[in-house]
Amino acid sequence: MSLVRFKSVLPGFLSVDSLNRNQKNVKFCIRIALGIDLSIYGKQLAQEIIKGLEDFCSQTRVTAAIACRKFLLSLTEKERETYYKVMLPPLCLNRYYMADAKFLLYSQETWKTLFGTRGPELVATYIDSVVNDCDYLFELIGSKIFTSAYMC
């Protein structure tokens, strides 16, 4: 496939809607490897990563977490700040996701790598987004996430 043709299908390719977990994982891995132009596709990619971080399947969450870390680390601190409002809540919540211990540790390591000791300050700055995300996930998933959400 030519680069021109690939760029024309890229917006649809970024979407992980209505895919099974294996297809979602493959798409996240390919996006990590591609190094796509974030000035054009960054917001769309961030939204798809968030969907992956909130997925019911642990494997999809793990792959999305890897994509998320690589995505945010590829940006300068100033560029990252444009994504904190939407990406901080799932990153915060996944530090307490009990279904997968390795994922929980990876999420905590990602939090430390990205934010160091600034985590509480950033949560306070974006508290409205964090609370809204917690409320949304509680309605979607139920009481298990409720406990995790309010640990943040």
C-alpha atoms as a PDB file:
ATOM      1  CA  MET A   1       0.000   0.000   0.000  1.00  0.00           C
ATOM      2  CA  SER A   2       1.405   3.383  -0.949  1.00  0.00           C
ATOM      3  CA  LEU A   3       1.976   6.016   1.716  1.00  0.00           C
ATOM      4  CA  VAL A   4      -0.606   8.290   0.067  1.00  0.00           C
ATOM      5  CA  ARG A   5      -3.216   5.510   0.152  1.00  0.00           C
ATOM      6  CA  PHE A   6      -2.313   4.641   3.749  1.00  0.00           C
ATOM      7  CA  LYS A   7      -2.707   8.262   4.861  1.00  0.00           C
ATOM      8  CA  SER A   8      -6.156   8.378   3.278  1.00  0.00           C
ATOM      9  CA  VAL A   9      -7.337   5.386   5.357  1.00  0.00           C
ATOM     10  CA  LEU A  10      -5.462   6.372   8.533  1.00  0.00           C
ATOM     11  CA  PRO A  11      -8.375   8.151  10.291  1.00  0.00           C
ATOM     12  CA  GLY A  12     -10.525   5.018  10.023  1.00  0.00           C
ATOM     13  CA  PHE A  13      -7.567   2.826  10.907  1.00  0.00           C
ATOM     14  CA  LEU A  14      -7.114   4.651  14.196  1.00  0.00           C
ATOM     15  CA  SER A  15     -10.570   3.667  15.401  1.00  0.00           C
ATOM     16  CA  VAL A  16     -10.917   0.657  17.693  1.00  0.00           C
ATOM     17  CA  ASP A  17     -14.721   0.714  17.762  1.00  0.00           C
ATOM     18  CA  SER A  18     -16.556  -2.593  17.365  1.00  0.00           C
ATOM     19  CA  LEU A  19     -13.467  -4.766  17.147  1.00  0.00           C
ATOM     20  CA  ASN A  20     -12.724  -7.885  19.111  1.00  0.00           C
ATOM     21  CA  ARG A  21      -9.913  -7.693  21.673  1.00  0.00           C
ATOM     22  CA  ASN A  22      -7.313  -9.242  19.367  1.00  0.00           C
ATOM     23  CA  GLN A  23      -8.014  -6.741  16.594  1.00  0.00           C
ATOM     24  CA  LYS A  24      -7.864  -3.860  19.096  1.00  0.00           C
ATOM     25  CA  ASN A  25      -4.524  -5.103  20.416  1.00  0.00           C
ATOM     26  CA  VAL A  26      -3.043  -5.413  16.923  1.00  0.00           C
ATOM     27  CA  LYS A  27      -4.190  -1.888  16.041  1.00  0.00           C
ATOM     28  CA  PHE A  28      -2.667  -0.441  19.214  1.00  0.00           C
ATOM     29  CA  CYS A  29       0.637  -2.226  18.515  1.00  0.00           C
ATOM     30  CA  ILE A  30       0.729  -1.003  14.915  1.00  0.00           C
ATOM     31  CA  ARG A  31      -0.032   2.566  15.985  1.00  0.00           C
ATOM     32  CA  ILE A  32       2.814   2.416  18.504  1.00  0.00           C
ATOM     33  CA  ALA A  33       5.220   1.274  15.788  1.00  0.00           C
ATOM     34  CA  LEU A  34       4.049   3.739  13.111  1.00  0.00           C
ATOM     35  CA  GLY A  35       5.000   6.956  14.814  1.00  0.00           C
ATOM     36  CA  ILE A  36       2.079   8.791  13.188  1.00  0.00           C
ATOM     37  CA  ASP A  37       1.940  12.570  12.928  1.00  0.00           C
ATOM     38  CA  LEU A  38       0.511  13.607  16.290  1.00  0.00           C
ATOM     39  CA  SER A  39      -0.112  17.170  15.173  1.00  0.00           C
ATOM     40  CA  ILE A  40      -2.728  15.771  12.782  1.00  0.00           C
ATOM     41  CA  TYR A  41      -3.960  12.603  14.518  1.00  0.00           C
ATOM     42  CA  GLY A  42      -2.988  13.193  18.156  1.00  0.00           C
ATOM     43  CA  LYS A  43      -6.455  14.017  19.500  1.00  0.00           C
ATOM     44  CA  GLN A  44      -8.084  11.101  17.706  1.00  0.00           C
ATOM     45  CA  LEU A  45      -5.349   8.731  18.859  1.00  0.00           C
ATOM     46  CA  ALA A  46      -5.722   9.970  22.447  1.00  0.00           C
ATOM     47  CA  GLN A  47      -9.474   9.247  22.342  1.00  0.00           C
ATOM     48  CA  GLU A  48      -8.869   5.730  21.032  1.00  0.00           C
ATOM     49  CA  ILE A  49      -6.223   5.074  23.687  1.00  0.00           C
ATOM     50  CA  ILE A  50      -8.696   6.208  26.354  1.00  0.00           C
ATOM     51  CA  LYS A  51     -11.276   3.745  25.013  1.00  0.00           C
ATOM     52  CA  GLY A  52      -8.651   1.024  25.311  1.00  0.00           C
ATOM     53  CA  LEU A  53      -7.728   2.048  28.858  1.00  0.00           C
ATOM     54  CA  GLU A  54     -11.398   1.738  29.830  1.00  0.00           C
ATOM     55  CA  ASP A  55     -12.042  -1.529  27.956  1.00  0.00           C
ATOM     56  CA  PHE A  56     -13.498  -4.536  29.779  1.00  0.00           C
ATOM     57  CA  CYS A  57     -10.745  -6.817  28.463  1.00  0.00           C
ATOM     58  CA  SER A  58      -7.516  -6.727  30.482  1.00  0.00           C
ATOM     59  CA  GLN A  59      -5.388  -7.522  27.424  1.00  0.00           C
ATOM     60  CA  THR A  60      -6.780  -4.502  25.596  1.00  0.00           C
ATOM     61  CA  ARG A  61      -6.118  -2.312  28.645  1.00  0.00           C
ATOM     62  CA  VAL A  62      -2.506  -3.512  28.778  1.00  0.00           C
ATOM     63  CA  THR A  63      -1.907  -2.796  25.092  1.00  0.00           C
ATOM     64  CA  ALA A  64      -3.608   0.589  25.377  1.00  0.00           C
ATOM     65  CA  ALA A  65      -1.479   1.387  28.446  1.00  0.00           C
ATOM     66  CA  ILE A  66       1.694   0.659  26.475  1.00  0.00           C
ATOM     67  CA  ALA A  67       0.425   2.867  23.635  1.00  0.00           C
ATOM     68  CA  CYS A  68      -0.517   5.570  26.145  1.00  0.00           C
ATOM     69  CA  ARG A  69       2.908   5.613  27.780  1.00  0.00           C
ATOM     70  CA  LYS A  70       4.704   5.741  24.428  1.00  0.00           C
ATOM     71  CA  PHE A  71       2.305   8.398  23.162  1.00  0.00           C
ATOM     72  CA  LEU A  72       2.757  10.712  26.157  1.00  0.00           C
ATOM     73  CA  LEU A  73       6.521  10.147  26.412  1.00  0.00           C
ATOM     74  CA  SER A  74       6.885  11.093  22.738  1.00  0.00           C
ATOM     75  CA  LEU A  75       5.583  14.580  23.585  1.00  0.00           C
ATOM     76  CA  THR A  76       7.205  17.481  25.359  1.00  0.00           C
ATOM     77  CA  GLU A  77       5.805  18.380  28.789  1.00  0.00           C
ATOM     78  CA  LYS A  78       3.978  21.347  27.272  1.00  0.00           C
ATOM     79  CA  GLU A  79       2.441  19.147  24.555  1.00  0.00           C
ATOM     80  CA  ARG A  80       1.394  16.555  27.161  1.00  0.00           C
ATOM     81  CA  GLU A  81      -0.567  19.160  29.074  1.00  0.00           C
ATOM     82  CA  THR A  82      -3.020  19.452  26.177  1.00  0.00           C
ATOM     83  CA  TYR A  83      -3.974  15.793  26.734  1.00  0.00           C
ATOM     84  CA  TYR A  84      -4.078  15.693  30.541  1.00  0.00           C
ATOM     85  CA  LYS A  85      -7.732  16.680  30.815  1.00  0.00           C
ATOM     86  CA  VAL A  86      -8.812  13.544  28.931  1.00  0.00           C
ATOM     87  CA  MET A  87      -5.965  11.101  29.617  1.00  0.00           C
ATOM     88  CA  LEU A  88      -5.280  11.761  33.288  1.00  0.00           C
ATOM     89  CA  PRO A  89      -8.547  10.223  34.600  1.00  0.00           C
ATOM     90  CA  PRO A  90      -8.102   6.741  33.064  1.00  0.00           C
ATOM     91  CA  LEU A  91      -4.407   6.776  33.946  1.00  0.00           C
ATOM     92  CA  CYS A  92      -5.310   7.596  37.527  1.00  0.00           C
ATOM     93  CA  LEU A  93      -8.008   4.930  37.761  1.00  0.00           C
ATOM     94  CA  ASN A  94      -5.944   2.172  36.176  1.00  0.00           C
ATOM     95  CA  ARG A  95      -3.393   2.435  38.987  1.00  0.00           C
ATOM     96  CA  TYR A  96      -6.019   0.608  41.080  1.00  0.00           C
ATOM     97  CA  TYR A  97      -7.344  -1.877  38.487  1.00  0.00           C
ATOM     98  CA  MET A  98      -7.338  -5.155  40.408  1.00  0.00           C
ATOM     99  CA  ALA A  99      -8.196  -7.593  37.612  1.00  0.00           C
ATOM    100  CA  ASP A 100      -4.586  -7.851  36.444  1.00  0.00           C
ATOM    101  CA  ALA A 101      -1.678  -7.422  38.883  1.00  0.00           C
ATOM    102  CA  LYS A 102       0.959  -6.881  36.167  1.00  0.00           C
ATOM    103  CA  PHE A 103      -1.205  -4.210  34.562  1.00  0.00           C
ATOM    104  CA  LEU A 104      -1.718  -2.556  37.940  1.00  0.00           C
ATOM    105  CA  LEU A 105       2.070  -2.406  38.464  1.00  0.00           C
ATOM    106  CA  TYR A 106       2.640  -1.177  34.900  1.00  0.00           C
ATOM    107  CA  SER A 107       0.036   1.556  35.418  1.00  0.00           C
ATOM    108  CA  GLN A 108       1.645   2.649  38.677  1.00  0.00           C
ATOM    109  CA  GLU A 109       5.078   2.696  37.021  1.00  0.00           C
ATOM    110  CA  THR A 110       3.672   4.740  34.121  1.00  0.00           C
ATOM    111  CA  TRP A 111       2.180   7.215  36.583  1.00  0.00           C
ATOM    112  CA  LYS A 112       5.542   7.641  38.331  1.00  0.00           C
ATOM    113  CA  THR A 113       7.416   7.902  35.029  1.00  0.00           C
ATOM    114  CA  LEU A 114       5.078  10.524  33.596  1.00  0.00           C
ATOM    115  CA  PHE A 115       4.269  12.592  36.658  1.00  0.00           C
ATOM    116  CA  GLY A 116       6.847  11.839  39.356  1.00  0.00           C
ATOM    117  CA  THR A 117       5.689  13.558  42.538  1.00  0.00           C
ATOM    118  CA  ARG A 118       3.330  15.900  40.629  1.00  0.00           C
ATOM    119  CA  GLY A 119       0.510  13.333  40.502  1.00  0.00           C
ATOM    120  CA  PRO A 120      -1.615  14.740  43.349  1.00  0.00           C
ATOM    121  CA  GLU A 121      -1.146  18.276  42.016  1.00  0.00           C
ATOM    122  CA  LEU A 122      -2.297  17.224  38.530  1.00  0.00           C
ATOM    123  CA  VAL A 123      -5.306  15.327  39.905  1.00  0.00           C
ATOM    124  CA  ALA A 124      -6.253  18.459  41.850  1.00  0.00           C
ATOM    125  CA  THR A 125      -5.857  20.590  38.719  1.00  0.00           C
ATOM    126  CA  TYR A 126      -8.040  18.265  36.639  1.00  0.00           C
ATOM    127  CA  ILE A 127     -10.353  17.137  39.447  1.00  0.00           C
ATOM    128  CA  ASP A 128     -13.534  17.825  37.460  1.00  0.00           C
ATOM    129  CA  SER A 129     -12.402  15.499  34.670  1.00  0.00           C
ATOM    130  CA  VAL A 130     -11.299  12.822  37.134  1.00  0.00           C
ATOM    131  CA  VAL A 131     -14.603  12.913  39.035  1.00  0.00           C
ATOM    132  CA  ASN A 132     -16.658  12.907  35.812  1.00  0.00           C
ATOM    133  CA  ASP A 133     -14.697   9.901  34.548  1.00  0.00           C
ATOM    134  CA  CYS A 134     -15.167   8.109  37.877  1.00  0.00           C
ATOM    135  CA  ASP A 135     -18.906   8.716  37.767  1.00  0.00           C
ATOM    136  CA  TYR A 136     -19.124   7.549  34.157  1.00  0.00           C
ATOM    137  CA  LEU A 137     -17.192   4.355  34.875  1.00  0.00           C
ATOM    138  CA  PHE A 138     -19.223   3.650  37.979  1.00  0.00           C
ATOM    139  CA  GLU A 139     -22.402   3.762  35.910  1.00  0.00           C
ATOM    140  CA  LEU A 140     -20.805   1.642  33.206  1.00  0.00           C
ATOM    141  CA  ILE A 141     -19.026  -0.993  35.272  1.00  0.00           C
ATOM    142  CA  GLY A 142     -20.368  -0.861  38.796  1.00  0.00           C
ATOM    143  CA  SER A 143     -19.117  -0.905  42.324  1.00  0.00           C
ATOM    144  CA  LYS A 144     -15.679  -2.513  41.766  1.00  0.00           C
ATOM    145  CA  ILE A 145     -14.488   0.490  39.821  1.00  0.00           C
ATOM    146  CA  PHE A 146     -16.174   2.776  42.373  1.00  0.00           C
ATOM    147  CA  THR A 147     -13.716   1.667  45.034  1.00  0.00           C
ATOM    148  CA  SER A 148     -10.779   2.155  42.678  1.00  0.00           C
ATOM    149  CA  ALA A 149     -12.031   5.516  41.486  1.00  0.00           C
ATOM    150  CA  TYR A 150     -12.224   7.060  44.877  1.00  0.00           C
ATOM    151  CA  MET A 151      -8.775   5.775  45.901  1.00  0.00           C
ATOM    152  CA  CYS A 152      -7.406   8.378  43.461  1.00  0.00           C
END
